[in-house]
Amino acid sequence: MSPGDLIGWLIIGLIAGWLASMIMGRGGYGIVGDIVVGVVGAFIGGFVASLLGLAGTNPNEPFHLWNLILAIIGAIVLIALVRALAGGRSRI
């Protein structure tokens, strides 16, 4: 993975984390929090897609619409899981 790919994934993570937090209804988590939620969400989304027999994320092409969609879906799943497990104690 080149430095450009890493920067691309950080940008995709930021966008996906922010959009997921807006969809889930509590606002953003700051730049670092949104990046973390989005990047982890990309891994979750790619994993779920592969379980369903769909193409997962492509680490060498961060700026692909499919990667962004999977990252948003994964970030929403992550936020929902953290909220369910935390029982209202978490800011995520």
PDB file of N, CA and C in Angstrom:
ATOM      1  N   MET A   1       0.857  -1.173   0.000  1.00  0.00           N
ATOM      2  CA  MET A   1       0.000   0.000   0.000  1.00  0.00           C
ATOM      3  C   MET A   1       0.902   1.235   0.000  1.00  0.00           C
ATOM      4  N   SER A   2       0.624   2.116  -0.916  1.00  0.00           N
ATOM      5  CA  SER A   2       1.439   3.327  -1.040  1.00  0.00           C
ATOM      6  C   SER A   2       0.957   4.396  -0.057  1.00  0.00           C
ATOM      7  N   PRO A   3       1.751   5.418   0.197  1.00  0.00           N
ATOM      8  CA  PRO A   3       1.298   6.509   1.061  1.00  0.00           C
ATOM      9  C   PRO A   3       0.026   7.176   0.533  1.00  0.00           C
ATOM     10  N   GLY A   4      -0.104   7.246  -0.786  1.00  0.00           N
ATOM     11  CA  GLY A   4      -1.314   7.815  -1.370  1.00  0.00           C
ATOM     12  C   GLY A   4      -2.554   6.990  -1.036  1.00  0.00           C
ATOM     13  N   ASP A   5      -2.398   5.659  -1.044  1.00  0.00           N
ATOM     14  CA  ASP A   5      -3.518   4.786  -0.675  1.00  0.00           C
ATOM     15  C   ASP A   5      -3.894   4.984   0.791  1.00  0.00           C
ATOM     16  N   LEU A   6      -2.888   5.113   1.649  1.00  0.00           N
ATOM     17  CA  LEU A   6      -3.150   5.330   3.072  1.00  0.00           C
ATOM     18  C   LEU A   6      -3.903   6.638   3.291  1.00  0.00           C
ATOM     19  N   ILE A   7      -3.470   7.686   2.621  1.00  0.00           N
ATOM     20  CA  ILE A   7      -4.160   8.976   2.735  1.00  0.00           C
ATOM     21  C   ILE A   7      -5.579   8.846   2.196  1.00  0.00           C
ATOM     22  N   GLY A   8      -5.733   8.123   1.099  1.00  0.00           N
ATOM     23  CA  GLY A   8      -7.064   7.895   0.539  1.00  0.00           C
ATOM     24  C   GLY A   8      -7.984   7.194   1.519  1.00  0.00           C
ATOM     25  N   TRP A   9      -7.473   6.162   2.195  1.00  0.00           N
ATOM     26  CA  TRP A   9      -8.300   5.449   3.174  1.00  0.00           C
ATOM     27  C   TRP A   9      -8.637   6.322   4.375  1.00  0.00           C
ATOM     28  N   LEU A  10      -7.723   7.191   4.771  1.00  0.00           N
ATOM     29  CA  LEU A  10      -8.025   8.116   5.868  1.00  0.00           C
ATOM     30  C   LEU A  10      -9.137   9.078   5.471  1.00  0.00           C
ATOM     31  N   ILE A  11      -9.107   9.555   4.231  1.00  0.00           N
ATOM     32  CA  ILE A  11     -10.157  10.450   3.748  1.00  0.00           C
ATOM     33  C   ILE A  11     -11.490   9.705   3.644  1.00  0.00           C
ATOM     34  N   ILE A  12     -11.469   8.490   3.086  1.00  0.00           N
ATOM     35  CA  ILE A  12     -12.686   7.678   2.999  1.00  0.00           C
ATOM     36  C   ILE A  12     -13.210   7.395   4.404  1.00  0.00           C
ATOM     37  N   GLY A  13     -12.315   7.084   5.345  1.00  0.00           N
ATOM     38  CA  GLY A  13     -12.723   6.836   6.724  1.00  0.00           C
ATOM     39  C   GLY A  13     -13.380   8.049   7.344  1.00  0.00           C
ATOM     40  N   LEU A  14     -12.818   9.213   7.105  1.00  0.00           N
ATOM     41  CA  LEU A  14     -13.391  10.450   7.638  1.00  0.00           C
ATOM     42  C   LEU A  14     -14.794  10.676   7.083  1.00  0.00           C
ATOM     43  N   ILE A  15     -14.945  10.545   5.783  1.00  0.00           N
ATOM     44  CA  ILE A  15     -16.253  10.753   5.153  1.00  0.00           C
ATOM     45  C   ILE A  15     -17.258   9.701   5.637  1.00  0.00           C
ATOM     46  N   ALA A  16     -16.856   8.432   5.628  1.00  0.00           N
ATOM     47  CA  ALA A  16     -17.768   7.359   6.028  1.00  0.00           C
ATOM     48  C   ALA A  16     -18.148   7.476   7.501  1.00  0.00           C
ATOM     49  N   GLY A  17     -17.184   7.770   8.359  1.00  0.00           N
ATOM     50  CA  GLY A  17     -17.475   7.907   9.790  1.00  0.00           C
ATOM     51  C   GLY A  17     -18.407   9.065  10.069  1.00  0.00           C
ATOM     52  N   TRP A  18     -18.176  10.183   9.384  1.00  0.00           N
ATOM     53  CA  TRP A  18     -19.029  11.351   9.583  1.00  0.00           C
ATOM     54  C   TRP A  18     -20.444  11.071   9.080  1.00  0.00           C
ATOM     55  N   LEU A  19     -20.557  10.494   7.872  1.00  0.00           N
ATOM     56  CA  LEU A  19     -21.888  10.192   7.332  1.00  0.00           C
ATOM     57  C   LEU A  19     -22.627   9.185   8.208  1.00  0.00           C
ATOM     58  N   ALA A  20     -21.924   8.157   8.671  1.00  0.00           N
ATOM     59  CA  ALA A  20     -22.561   7.154   9.524  1.00  0.00           C
ATOM     60  C   ALA A  20     -23.042   7.777  10.832  1.00  0.00           C
ATOM     61  N   SER A  21     -22.240   8.666  11.413  1.00  0.00           N
ATOM     62  CA  SER A  21     -22.647   9.305  12.666  1.00  0.00           C
ATOM     63  C   SER A  21     -23.852  10.214  12.443  1.00  0.00           C
ATOM     64  N   MET A  22     -23.931  10.856  11.285  1.00  0.00           N
ATOM     65  CA  MET A  22     -25.097  11.691  10.970  1.00  0.00           C
ATOM     66  C   MET A  22     -26.338  10.815  10.779  1.00  0.00           C
ATOM     67  N   ILE A  23     -26.173   9.684  10.099  1.00  0.00           N
ATOM     68  CA  ILE A  23     -27.288   8.765   9.877  1.00  0.00           C
ATOM     69  C   ILE A  23     -27.784   8.189  11.201  1.00  0.00           C
ATOM     70  N   MET A  24     -26.856   7.900  12.098  1.00  0.00           N
ATOM     71  CA  MET A  24     -27.220   7.308  13.386  1.00  0.00           C
ATOM     72  C   MET A  24     -27.725   8.350  14.382  1.00  0.00           C
ATOM     73  N   GLY A  25     -27.576   9.631  14.065  1.00  0.00           N
ATOM     74  CA  GLY A  25     -28.258  10.673  14.805  1.00  0.00           C
ATOM     75  C   GLY A  25     -27.625  11.261  16.044  1.00  0.00           C
ATOM     76  N   ARG A  26     -26.329  11.335  16.124  1.00  0.00           N
ATOM     77  CA  ARG A  26     -25.722  12.015  17.276  1.00  0.00           C
ATOM     78  C   ARG A  26     -24.629  12.978  16.879  1.00  0.00           C
ATOM     79  N   GLY A  27     -24.521  13.300  15.625  1.00  0.00           N
ATOM     80  CA  GLY A  27     -23.472  14.209  15.190  1.00  0.00           C
ATOM     81  C   GLY A  27     -22.147  13.489  15.052  1.00  0.00           C
ATOM     82  N   GLY A  28     -21.145  14.225  14.611  1.00  0.00           N
ATOM     83  CA  GLY A  28     -19.828  13.646  14.396  1.00  0.00           C
ATOM     84  C   GLY A  28     -19.078  13.404  15.688  1.00  0.00           C
ATOM     85  N   TYR A  29     -17.963  12.695  15.570  1.00  0.00           N
ATOM     86  CA  TYR A  29     -17.136  12.354  16.729  1.00  0.00           C
ATOM     87  C   TYR A  29     -15.789  13.051  16.678  1.00  0.00           C
ATOM     88  N   GLY A  30     -15.696  14.111  15.897  1.00  0.00           N
ATOM     89  CA  GLY A  30     -14.421  14.780  15.704  1.00  0.00           C
ATOM     90  C   GLY A  30     -13.677  14.110  14.562  1.00  0.00           C
ATOM     91  N   ILE A  31     -12.648  14.772  14.091  1.00  0.00           N
ATOM     92  CA  ILE A  31     -11.928  14.254  12.922  1.00  0.00           C
ATOM     93  C   ILE A  31     -11.337  12.876  13.199  1.00  0.00           C
ATOM     94  N   VAL A  32     -10.632  12.733  14.309  1.00  0.00           N
ATOM     95  CA  VAL A  32      -9.986  11.443  14.614  1.00  0.00           C
ATOM     96  C   VAL A  32     -11.026  10.361  14.853  1.00  0.00           C
ATOM     97  N   GLY A  33     -12.065  10.669  15.600  1.00  0.00           N
ATOM     98  CA  GLY A  33     -13.112   9.684  15.871  1.00  0.00           C
ATOM     99  C   GLY A  33     -13.825   9.244  14.614  1.00  0.00           C
ATOM    100  N   ASP A  34     -14.134  10.185  13.733  1.00  0.00           N
ATOM    101  CA  ASP A  34     -14.792   9.839  12.472  1.00  0.00           C
ATOM    102  C   ASP A  34     -13.889   8.971  11.597  1.00  0.00           C
ATOM    103  N   ILE A  35     -12.593   9.284  11.558  1.00  0.00           N
ATOM    104  CA  ILE A  35     -11.661   8.475  10.769  1.00  0.00           C
ATOM    105  C   ILE A  35     -11.611   7.053  11.315  1.00  0.00           C
ATOM    106  N   VAL A  36     -11.488   6.909  12.633  1.00  0.00           N
ATOM    107  CA  VAL A  36     -11.412   5.582  13.240  1.00  0.00           C
ATOM    108  C   VAL A  36     -12.688   4.792  12.953  1.00  0.00           C
ATOM    109  N   VAL A  37     -13.850   5.407  13.178  1.00  0.00           N
ATOM    110  CA  VAL A  37     -15.120   4.720  12.935  1.00  0.00           C
ATOM    111  C   VAL A  37     -15.236   4.331  11.461  1.00  0.00           C
ATOM    112  N   GLY A  38     -14.843   5.227  10.563  1.00  0.00           N
ATOM    113  CA  GLY A  38     -14.942   4.942   9.134  1.00  0.00           C
ATOM    114  C   GLY A  38     -13.994   3.863   8.656  1.00  0.00           C
ATOM    115  N   VAL A  39     -12.740   3.898   9.110  1.00  0.00           N
ATOM    116  CA  VAL A  39     -11.769   2.892   8.679  1.00  0.00           C
ATOM    117  C   VAL A  39     -12.131   1.521   9.248  1.00  0.00           C
ATOM    118  N   VAL A  40     -12.487   1.462  10.525  1.00  0.00           N
ATOM    119  CA  VAL A  40     -12.930   0.190  11.104  1.00  0.00           C
ATOM    120  C   VAL A  40     -14.211  -0.266  10.402  1.00  0.00           C
ATOM    121  N   GLY A  41     -15.081   0.686  10.089  1.00  0.00           N
ATOM    122  CA  GLY A  41     -16.297   0.363   9.353  1.00  0.00           C
ATOM    123  C   GLY A  41     -16.001  -0.222   7.985  1.00  0.00           C
ATOM    124  N   ALA A  42     -14.947   0.246   7.323  1.00  0.00           N
ATOM    125  CA  ALA A  42     -14.565  -0.309   6.024  1.00  0.00           C
ATOM    126  C   ALA A  42     -14.174  -1.777   6.153  1.00  0.00           C
ATOM    127  N   PHE A  43     -13.448  -2.111   7.222  1.00  0.00           N
ATOM    128  CA  PHE A  43     -13.094  -3.513   7.450  1.00  0.00           C
ATOM    129  C   PHE A  43     -14.347  -4.342   7.718  1.00  0.00           C
ATOM    130  N   ILE A  44     -15.234  -3.834   8.553  1.00  0.00           N
ATOM    131  CA  ILE A  44     -16.478  -4.549   8.861  1.00  0.00           C
ATOM    132  C   ILE A  44     -17.327  -4.699   7.603  1.00  0.00           C
ATOM    133  N   GLY A  45     -17.491  -3.611   6.849  1.00  0.00           N
ATOM    134  CA  GLY A  45     -18.276  -3.666   5.620  1.00  0.00           C
ATOM    135  C   GLY A  45     -17.706  -4.639   4.606  1.00  0.00           C
ATOM    136  N   GLY A  46     -16.386  -4.630   4.447  1.00  0.00           N
ATOM    137  CA  GLY A  46     -15.736  -5.575   3.535  1.00  0.00           C
ATOM    138  C   GLY A  46     -15.914  -7.008   3.979  1.00  0.00           C
ATOM    139  N   PHE A  47     -15.824  -7.249   5.282  1.00  0.00           N
ATOM    140  CA  PHE A  47     -16.005  -8.596   5.826  1.00  0.00           C
ATOM    141  C   PHE A  47     -17.433  -9.083   5.597  1.00  0.00           C
ATOM    142  N   VAL A  48     -18.409  -8.227   5.909  1.00  0.00           N
ATOM    143  CA  VAL A  48     -19.821  -8.601   5.720  1.00  0.00           C
ATOM    144  C   VAL A  48     -20.105  -8.848   4.240  1.00  0.00           C
ATOM    145  N   ALA A  49     -19.562  -8.002   3.371  1.00  0.00           N
ATOM    146  CA  ALA A  49     -19.765  -8.186   1.930  1.00  0.00           C
ATOM    147  C   ALA A  49     -19.197  -9.520   1.461  1.00  0.00           C
ATOM    148  N   SER A  50     -18.019  -9.880   1.958  1.00  0.00           N
ATOM    149  CA  SER A  50     -17.431 -11.153   1.545  1.00  0.00           C
ATOM    150  C   SER A  50     -18.239 -12.338   2.074  1.00  0.00           C
ATOM    151  N   LEU A  51     -18.832 -12.201   3.267  1.00  0.00           N
ATOM    152  CA  LEU A  51     -19.698 -13.261   3.785  1.00  0.00           C
ATOM    153  C   LEU A  51     -20.936 -13.452   2.921  1.00  0.00           C
ATOM    154  N   LEU A  52     -21.421 -12.352   2.343  1.00  0.00           N
ATOM    155  CA  LEU A  52     -22.601 -12.401   1.483  1.00  0.00           C
ATOM    156  C   LEU A  52     -22.252 -12.749   0.040  1.00  0.00           C
ATOM    157  N   GLY A  53     -20.981 -12.988  -0.252  1.00  0.00           N
ATOM    158  CA  GLY A  53     -20.547 -13.335  -1.593  1.00  0.00           C
ATOM    159  C   GLY A  53     -20.397 -12.144  -2.520  1.00  0.00           C
ATOM    160  N   LEU A  54     -20.367 -10.948  -1.949  1.00  0.00           N
ATOM    161  CA  LEU A  54     -20.164  -9.732  -2.736  1.00  0.00           C
ATOM    162  C   LEU A  54     -18.692  -9.366  -2.717  1.00  0.00           C
ATOM    163  N   ALA A  55     -18.298  -8.511  -3.619  1.00  0.00           N
ATOM    164  CA  ALA A  55     -16.917  -8.039  -3.625  1.00  0.00           C
ATOM    165  C   ALA A  55     -16.671  -7.186  -2.388  1.00  0.00           C
ATOM    166  N   GLY A  56     -15.564  -7.425  -1.721  1.00  0.00           N
ATOM    167  CA  GLY A  56     -15.207  -6.626  -0.552  1.00  0.00           C
ATOM    168  C   GLY A  56     -14.512  -5.347  -0.971  1.00  0.00           C
ATOM    169  N   THR A  57     -13.920  -4.673  -0.013  1.00  0.00           N
ATOM    170  CA  THR A  57     -13.191  -3.445  -0.317  1.00  0.00           C
ATOM    171  C   THR A  57     -11.886  -3.778  -1.016  1.00  0.00           C
ATOM    172  N   ASN A  58     -11.432  -2.883  -1.853  1.00  0.00           N
ATOM    173  CA  ASN A  58     -10.162  -3.040  -2.551  1.00  0.00           C
ATOM    174  C   ASN A  58      -9.162  -2.083  -1.924  1.00  0.00           C
ATOM    175  N   PRO A  59      -8.183  -2.595  -1.166  1.00  0.00           N
ATOM    176  CA  PRO A  59      -7.252  -1.699  -0.466  1.00  0.00           C
ATOM    177  C   PRO A  59      -6.387  -0.859  -1.398  1.00  0.00           C
ATOM    178  N   ASN A  60      -6.258  -1.256  -2.650  1.00  0.00           N
ATOM    179  CA  ASN A  60      -5.427  -0.499  -3.588  1.00  0.00           C
ATOM    180  C   ASN A  60      -6.197   0.575  -4.335  1.00  0.00           C
ATOM    181  N   GLU A  61      -7.498   0.667  -4.109  1.00  0.00           N
ATOM    182  CA  GLU A  61      -8.342   1.670  -4.766  1.00  0.00           C
ATOM    183  C   GLU A  61      -9.263   2.320  -3.746  1.00  0.00           C
ATOM    184  N   PRO A  62      -8.738   3.162  -2.860  1.00  0.00           N
ATOM    185  CA  PRO A  62      -9.597   3.706  -1.810  1.00  0.00           C
ATOM    186  C   PRO A  62     -10.727   4.584  -2.329  1.00  0.00           C
ATOM    187  N   PHE A  63     -10.495   5.320  -3.421  1.00  0.00           N
ATOM    188  CA  PHE A  63     -11.518   6.247  -3.913  1.00  0.00           C
ATOM    189  C   PHE A  63     -12.468   5.575  -4.895  1.00  0.00           C
ATOM    190  N   HIS A  64     -13.017   4.469  -4.499  1.00  0.00           N
ATOM    191  CA  HIS A  64     -14.005   3.761  -5.299  1.00  0.00           C
ATOM    192  C   HIS A  64     -15.333   3.854  -4.555  1.00  0.00           C
ATOM    193  N   LEU A  65     -16.419   4.114  -5.269  1.00  0.00           N
ATOM    194  CA  LEU A  65     -17.727   4.296  -4.636  1.00  0.00           C
ATOM    195  C   LEU A  65     -18.127   3.088  -3.798  1.00  0.00           C
ATOM    196  N   TRP A  66     -17.827   1.882  -4.270  1.00  0.00           N
ATOM    197  CA  TRP A  66     -18.182   0.663  -3.538  1.00  0.00           C
ATOM    198  C   TRP A  66     -17.475   0.637  -2.181  1.00  0.00           C
ATOM    199  N   ASN A  67     -16.217   1.062  -2.135  1.00  0.00           N
ATOM    200  CA  ASN A  67     -15.484   1.111  -0.865  1.00  0.00           C
ATOM    201  C   ASN A  67     -16.155   2.081   0.104  1.00  0.00           C
ATOM    202  N   LEU A  68     -16.590   3.232  -0.398  1.00  0.00           N
ATOM    203  CA  LEU A  68     -17.257   4.209   0.462  1.00  0.00           C
ATOM    204  C   LEU A  68     -18.577   3.659   0.992  1.00  0.00           C
ATOM    205  N   ILE A  69     -19.345   3.016   0.136  1.00  0.00           N
ATOM    206  CA  ILE A  69     -20.632   2.440   0.556  1.00  0.00           C
ATOM    207  C   ILE A  69     -20.411   1.380   1.635  1.00  0.00           C
ATOM    208  N   LEU A  70     -19.460   0.488   1.413  1.00  0.00           N
ATOM    209  CA  LEU A  70     -19.177  -0.553   2.411  1.00  0.00           C
ATOM    210  C   LEU A  70     -18.667   0.052   3.713  1.00  0.00           C
ATOM    211  N   ALA A  71     -17.852   1.095   3.626  1.00  0.00           N
ATOM    212  CA  ALA A  71     -17.340   1.750   4.827  1.00  0.00           C
ATOM    213  C   ALA A  71     -18.474   2.396   5.619  1.00  0.00           C
ATOM    214  N   ILE A  72     -19.421   3.026   4.940  1.00  0.00           N
ATOM    215  CA  ILE A  72     -20.559   3.640   5.633  1.00  0.00           C
ATOM    216  C   ILE A  72     -21.414   2.574   6.301  1.00  0.00           C
ATOM    217  N   ILE A  73     -21.716   1.501   5.577  1.00  0.00           N
ATOM    218  CA  ILE A  73     -22.524   0.414   6.157  1.00  0.00           C
ATOM    219  C   ILE A  73     -21.810  -0.195   7.362  1.00  0.00           C
ATOM    220  N   GLY A  74     -20.515  -0.458   7.223  1.00  0.00           N
ATOM    221  CA  GLY A  74     -19.748  -1.017   8.331  1.00  0.00           C
ATOM    222  C   GLY A  74     -19.679  -0.079   9.520  1.00  0.00           C
ATOM    223  N   ALA A  75     -19.538   1.218   9.262  1.00  0.00           N
ATOM    224  CA  ALA A  75     -19.489   2.201  10.349  1.00  0.00           C
ATOM    225  C   ALA A  75     -20.834   2.267  11.077  1.00  0.00           C
ATOM    226  N   ILE A  76     -21.928   2.176  10.338  1.00  0.00           N
ATOM    227  CA  ILE A  76     -23.256   2.155  10.975  1.00  0.00           C
ATOM    228  C   ILE A  76     -23.390   0.926  11.857  1.00  0.00           C
ATOM    229  N   VAL A  77     -22.937  -0.227  11.366  1.00  0.00           N
ATOM    230  CA  VAL A  77     -22.971  -1.457  12.163  1.00  0.00           C
ATOM    231  C   VAL A  77     -22.119  -1.295  13.413  1.00  0.00           C
ATOM    232  N   LEU A  78     -20.927  -0.726  13.272  1.00  0.00           N
ATOM    233  CA  LEU A  78     -20.034  -0.512  14.419  1.00  0.00           C
ATOM    234  C   LEU A  78     -20.676   0.397  15.457  1.00  0.00           C
ATOM    235  N   ILE A  79     -21.241   1.509  15.030  1.00  0.00           N
ATOM    236  CA  ILE A  79     -21.875   2.443  15.964  1.00  0.00           C
ATOM    237  C   ILE A  79     -23.046   1.767  16.674  1.00  0.00           C
ATOM    238  N   ALA A  80     -23.853   1.023  15.931  1.00  0.00           N
ATOM    239  CA  ALA A  80     -25.001   0.334  16.538  1.00  0.00           C
ATOM    240  C   ALA A  80     -24.544  -0.707  17.564  1.00  0.00           C
ATOM    241  N   LEU A  81     -23.493  -1.455  17.242  1.00  0.00           N
ATOM    242  CA  LEU A  81     -22.983  -2.463  18.181  1.00  0.00           C
ATOM    243  C   LEU A  81     -22.426  -1.825  19.448  1.00  0.00           C
ATOM    244  N   VAL A  82     -21.646  -0.763  19.282  1.00  0.00           N
ATOM    245  CA  VAL A  82     -21.067  -0.098  20.448  1.00  0.00           C
ATOM    246  C   VAL A  82     -22.165   0.484  21.326  1.00  0.00           C
ATOM    247  N   ARG A  83     -23.163   1.100  20.717  1.00  0.00           N
ATOM    248  CA  ARG A  83     -24.267   1.655  21.498  1.00  0.00           C
ATOM    249  C   ARG A  83     -25.043   0.568  22.214  1.00  0.00           C
ATOM    250  N   ALA A  84     -25.266  -0.560  21.553  1.00  0.00           N
ATOM    251  CA  ALA A  84     -26.007  -1.656  22.179  1.00  0.00           C
ATOM    252  C   ALA A  84     -25.224  -2.258  23.341  1.00  0.00           C
ATOM    253  N   LEU A  85     -23.923  -2.430  23.164  1.00  0.00           N
ATOM    254  CA  LEU A  85     -23.102  -3.028  24.217  1.00  0.00           C
ATOM    255  C   LEU A  85     -22.845  -2.062  25.365  1.00  0.00           C
ATOM    256  N   ALA A  86     -22.757  -0.784  25.066  1.00  0.00           N
ATOM    257  CA  ALA A  86     -22.472   0.212  26.102  1.00  0.00           C
ATOM    258  C   ALA A  86     -23.706   0.563  26.907  1.00  0.00           C
ATOM    259  N   GLY A  87     -24.867   0.355  26.358  1.00  0.00           N
ATOM    260  CA  GLY A  87     -26.097   0.641  27.086  1.00  0.00           C
ATOM    261  C   GLY A  87     -26.261   2.101  27.443  1.00  0.00           C
ATOM    262  N   GLY A  88     -25.885   3.002  26.545  1.00  0.00           N
ATOM    263  CA  GLY A  88     -26.067   4.423  26.794  1.00  0.00           C
ATOM    264  C   GLY A  88     -24.892   5.101  27.494  1.00  0.00           C
ATOM    265  N   ARG A  89     -23.843   4.357  27.832  1.00  0.00           N
ATOM    266  CA  ARG A  89     -22.695   4.956  28.519  1.00  0.00           C
ATOM    267  C   ARG A  89     -21.666   5.518  27.555  1.00  0.00           C
ATOM    268  N   SER A  90     -21.773   5.186  26.279  1.00  0.00           N
ATOM    269  CA  SER A  90     -20.766   5.588  25.314  1.00  0.00           C
ATOM    270  C   SER A  90     -21.213   6.768  24.489  1.00  0.00           C
ATOM    271  N   ARG A  91     -20.244   7.580  24.044  1.00  0.00           N
ATOM    272  CA  ARG A  91     -20.544   8.704  23.171  1.00  0.00           C
ATOM    273  C   ARG A  91     -20.688   8.259  21.729  1.00  0.00           C
ATOM    274  N   ILE A  92     -20.204   7.079  21.372  1.00  0.00           N
ATOM    275  CA  ILE A  92     -20.303   6.592  19.987  1.00  0.00           C
ATOM    276  C   ILE A  92     -21.685   6.088  19.725  1.00  0.00           C
TER     277      ILE A  92
END
